[in-house]
Amino acid sequence: MEVIISNYGGGPVGVQTLAASTAEEIETIEEVHEPYLLRLGFIERTPRGRVATARAYEHLGLPTPSIEQGKLI
């Protein structure tokens, strides 16, 4: 979540890029981390990649970007 927000402006970002950025295996992201973050509503899966939601920003105590900065909500 933090990597999506801090390194990629909230996304979208592909799973291969996330794996490289976090030194995690793609399978670990898809099978362990992603289902949990999806269930909590912190990320969304889109055709273009993973996107951080407004709830993720709030959880991390970060200001939620406006709609003009991209579709994050």
Protein backbone atom coordinates (compact mmCIF):
# COMPACT_ATOMS: atom_id res chain seq x y z
CA MET A 1 0.00 0.00 0.00
CA GLU A 2 2.71 2.44 0.97
CA VAL A 3 4.74 1.56 -2.12
CA ILE A 4 1.74 2.14 -4.39
CA ILE A 5 1.17 5.55 -2.81
CA SER A 6 4.72 6.79 -2.29
CA ASN A 7 6.44 5.37 -5.37
CA TYR A 8 3.61 5.36 -7.89
CA GLY A 9 1.31 8.21 -6.89
CA GLY A 10 -1.46 5.87 -5.81
CA GLY A 11 -1.36 3.74 -8.94
CA PRO A 12 -2.22 2.09 -11.13
CA VAL A 13 0.78 -0.18 -10.87
CA GLY A 14 1.23 -3.73 -12.13
CA VAL A 15 1.93 -6.70 -9.91
CA GLN A 16 5.32 -7.32 -11.53
CA THR A 17 6.40 -3.78 -10.73
CA LEU A 18 5.14 -4.14 -7.16
CA ALA A 19 7.05 -7.38 -6.77
CA ALA A 20 10.26 -5.77 -7.97
CA SER A 21 9.75 -2.72 -5.73
CA THR A 22 9.03 -4.72 -2.60
CA ALA A 23 11.36 -7.70 -3.17
CA GLU A 24 8.36 -10.02 -2.82
CA GLU A 25 7.39 -12.86 -5.11
CA ILE A 26 4.44 -12.18 -7.41
CA GLU A 27 2.67 -15.22 -5.97
CA THR A 28 3.07 -13.88 -2.42
CA ILE A 29 1.55 -10.56 -3.40
CA GLU A 30 -1.37 -12.19 -5.23
CA GLU A 31 -2.08 -14.93 -2.69
CA VAL A 32 -1.26 -13.33 0.66
CA HIS A 33 -1.11 -9.52 0.65
CA GLU A 34 -3.57 -8.59 -2.07
CA PRO A 35 -6.65 -10.52 -0.81
CA TYR A 36 -6.23 -8.96 2.63
CA LEU A 37 -5.83 -5.42 1.28
CA LEU A 38 -8.79 -5.90 -1.08
CA ARG A 39 -10.98 -7.18 1.76
CA LEU A 40 -10.12 -4.15 3.88
CA GLY A 41 -10.84 -1.82 0.97
CA PHE A 42 -7.30 -0.41 0.82
CA ILE A 43 -6.62 -1.28 -2.81
CA GLU A 44 -8.58 -1.99 -5.97
CA ARG A 45 -7.59 -4.17 -8.91
CA THR A 46 -8.16 -2.48 -12.24
CA PRO A 47 -7.29 -3.58 -15.78
CA ARG A 48 -4.28 -1.23 -15.61
CA GLY A 49 -3.02 -2.39 -12.20
CA ARG A 50 -3.46 -1.97 -8.46
CA VAL A 51 -4.76 1.38 -7.17
CA ALA A 52 -4.75 2.71 -3.61
CA THR A 53 -8.16 3.81 -2.35
CA ALA A 54 -9.11 6.82 -0.25
CA ARG A 55 -9.39 4.44 2.70
CA ALA A 56 -5.70 3.51 2.31
CA TYR A 57 -4.68 7.15 2.42
CA GLU A 58 -6.83 7.73 5.50
CA HIS A 59 -5.38 4.65 7.23
CA LEU A 60 -1.84 5.92 6.63
CA GLY A 61 -2.76 9.44 7.77
CA LEU A 62 -2.10 10.92 4.34
CA PRO A 63 -4.22 13.51 2.56
CA THR A 64 -6.46 11.94 -0.07
CA PRO A 65 -5.64 13.25 -3.55
CA SER A 66 -8.35 15.16 -5.33
CA ILE A 67 -10.25 13.68 -8.26
CA GLU A 68 -8.24 15.86 -10.66
CA GLN A 69 -5.07 13.97 -9.69
CA GLY A 70 -6.49 10.73 -10.95
CA LYS A 71 -9.16 8.18 -10.19
CA LEU A 72 -8.21 6.89 -6.77
CA ILE A 73 -11.59 6.56 -5.12
